[in-house]
Amino acid sequence: MFCKADQVKVTARDRLLTDQVYESPVDIHQSRFRTRLLWALLVLLAALIALELID
């Protein structure tokens, strides 16, 4: 069910610990949605600044 597995390495006192970190399809969807929302806000902000500079 989980898509992607990465390893996280943490240094303890005398050893290196590794752990599998999984990413679900919901995590991927939320990340894409947030990225698109951020780009939309940046485009809107740029358009508002361009309109201010034109007037």
Protein backbone atom coordinates (compact mmCIF):
# COMPACT_ATOMS: atom_id res chain seq x y z
CA MET A 1 0.00 0.00 0.00
CA PHE A 2 2.88 2.36 0.68
CA CYS A 3 4.70 3.67 -2.35
CA LYS A 4 8.16 4.86 -1.55
CA ALA A 5 10.61 3.86 1.14
CA ASP A 6 13.58 5.94 2.15
CA GLN A 7 16.07 5.32 4.88
CA VAL A 8 16.70 7.75 7.68
CA LYS A 9 20.02 7.45 9.47
CA VAL A 10 20.40 8.65 13.05
CA THR A 11 23.63 8.66 14.97
CA ALA A 12 23.30 7.29 18.49
CA ARG A 13 26.03 7.21 21.13
CA ASP A 14 28.02 4.32 19.73
CA ARG A 15 26.17 3.20 16.61
CA LEU A 16 24.33 4.32 13.49
CA LEU A 17 20.61 3.55 13.50
CA THR A 18 18.65 3.20 10.25
CA ASP A 19 14.89 3.21 9.84
CA GLN A 20 12.57 2.80 6.85
CA VAL A 21 10.30 5.80 6.21
CA TYR A 22 7.33 5.17 3.94
CA GLU A 23 5.24 7.60 1.91
CA SER A 24 1.59 6.80 1.22
CA PRO A 25 -0.43 7.85 -1.84
CA VAL A 26 -2.26 10.35 0.37
CA ASP A 27 1.06 11.95 1.33
CA ILE A 28 1.99 12.25 -2.35
CA HIS A 29 -1.39 13.81 -3.22
CA GLN A 30 -1.17 16.33 -0.37
CA SER A 31 2.34 17.32 -1.41
CA ARG A 32 1.27 17.88 -5.02
CA PHE A 33 -1.78 19.89 -3.90
CA ARG A 34 0.31 22.13 -1.65
CA THR A 35 2.86 22.68 -4.42
CA ARG A 36 0.14 23.67 -6.91
CA LEU A 37 -1.50 25.95 -4.35
CA LEU A 38 1.81 27.67 -3.65
CA TRP A 39 2.45 28.23 -7.38
CA ALA A 40 -1.09 29.61 -7.84
CA LEU A 41 -0.56 32.07 -4.99
CA LEU A 42 2.80 33.15 -6.41
CA VAL A 43 1.27 33.73 -9.86
CA LEU A 44 -1.57 35.72 -8.30
CA LEU A 45 0.89 37.82 -6.32
CA ALA A 46 2.99 38.45 -9.43
CA ALA A 47 -0.13 39.50 -11.36
CA LEU A 48 -1.14 41.93 -8.63
CA ILE A 49 2.36 43.43 -8.55
CA ALA A 50 2.36 43.73 -12.37
CA LEU A 51 -1.00 45.52 -12.28
CA GLU A 52 0.31 47.96 -9.70
CA LEU A 53 3.37 48.70 -11.82
CA ILE A 54 1.26 49.32 -14.93
CA ASP A 55 -0.98 51.92 -13.28
